[in-house]
């Protein structure tokens, strides 16, 4: 992950509820300062019961500058 330009998180209901998945994307965003593209996949109605804070807990605002 150190060598990537950005991270893409394919967020399903299972992903959003997984501590390990959230820790990995938080590491990319917060520690490595990588831009994150979040893509919702799967049955979107299953995300309706997911805490919205879980989906954006990795968000770190910074401009997207890919070199």
Protein backbone atom coordinates (compact mmCIF):
# COMPACT_ATOMS: atom_id res chain seq x y z
CA UNK A 1 0.00 0.00 0.00
CA UNK A 2 2.97 2.32 0.48
CA UNK A 3 3.58 2.43 -3.28
CA UNK A 4 -0.01 3.06 -4.42
CA UNK A 5 -1.21 6.46 -5.59
CA UNK A 6 -4.70 6.03 -4.10
CA UNK A 7 -6.88 3.43 -2.42
CA UNK A 8 -10.21 2.16 -3.70
CA UNK A 9 -12.59 0.85 -1.06
CA UNK A 10 -15.42 -1.32 -2.40
CA UNK A 11 -17.87 -0.90 0.45
CA UNK A 12 -20.47 -3.57 1.05
CA UNK A 13 -22.51 -4.03 4.21
CA UNK A 14 -20.01 -6.67 5.35
CA UNK A 15 -17.07 -4.35 4.64
CA UNK A 16 -18.68 -1.53 6.60
CA UNK A 17 -19.15 -3.78 9.62
CA UNK A 18 -15.66 -5.34 9.50
CA UNK A 19 -13.19 -3.89 12.01
CA UNK A 20 -10.26 -5.15 9.92
CA UNK A 21 -11.53 -3.56 6.70
CA UNK A 22 -12.13 -0.24 8.43
CA UNK A 23 -8.69 -0.31 10.06
CA UNK A 24 -7.01 -1.00 6.72
CA UNK A 25 -8.67 1.88 4.90
CA UNK A 26 -8.15 4.19 7.88
CA UNK A 27 -4.45 3.30 7.78
CA UNK A 28 -4.30 4.19 4.09
CA UNK A 29 -6.13 7.49 4.58
CA UNK A 30 -4.81 8.72 7.89
CA UNK A 31 -1.34 7.23 8.28
CA UNK A 32 -0.24 7.02 4.66
CA UNK A 33 -2.30 10.08 3.58
CA UNK A 34 -3.59 8.28 0.46
CA UNK A 35 -6.70 9.56 -1.30
CA UNK A 36 -9.57 7.09 -0.99
CA UNK A 37 -12.26 6.42 -3.57
CA UNK A 38 -15.24 4.74 -1.91
CA UNK A 39 -17.47 2.61 -4.15
CA UNK A 40 -20.67 1.14 -2.73
CA UNK A 41 -21.20 -2.42 -3.99
CA UNK A 42 -23.79 -5.10 -3.45
CA UNK A 43 -27.29 -4.73 -2.21
CA UNK A 44 -27.60 -1.07 -1.29
CA UNK A 45 -30.68 -1.69 0.85
CA UNK A 46 -28.47 -3.72 3.20
CA UNK A 47 -26.43 -0.57 3.87
CA UNK A 48 -29.58 1.21 5.06
CA UNK A 49 -29.14 -0.35 8.50
CA UNK A 50 -25.42 0.47 8.63
CA UNK A 51 -24.28 3.33 10.82
CA UNK A 52 -23.31 6.12 8.37
CA UNK A 53 -20.33 7.08 10.55
CA UNK A 54 -18.83 3.67 9.76
CA UNK A 55 -18.82 4.48 6.06
CA UNK A 56 -17.03 7.80 6.41
CA UNK A 57 -14.83 7.07 9.42
CA UNK A 58 -11.79 6.91 7.15
CA UNK A 59 -12.40 10.25 5.46
CA UNK A 60 -9.49 12.65 5.65
CA UNK A 61 -10.02 15.77 3.52
CA UNK A 62 -7.11 16.61 1.26
CA UNK A 63 -6.82 17.51 -2.39
CA UNK A 64 -6.42 14.69 -4.88
CA UNK A 65 -3.02 15.14 -6.47
CA UNK A 66 -1.79 12.07 -8.32
CA UNK A 67 1.68 12.31 -9.71
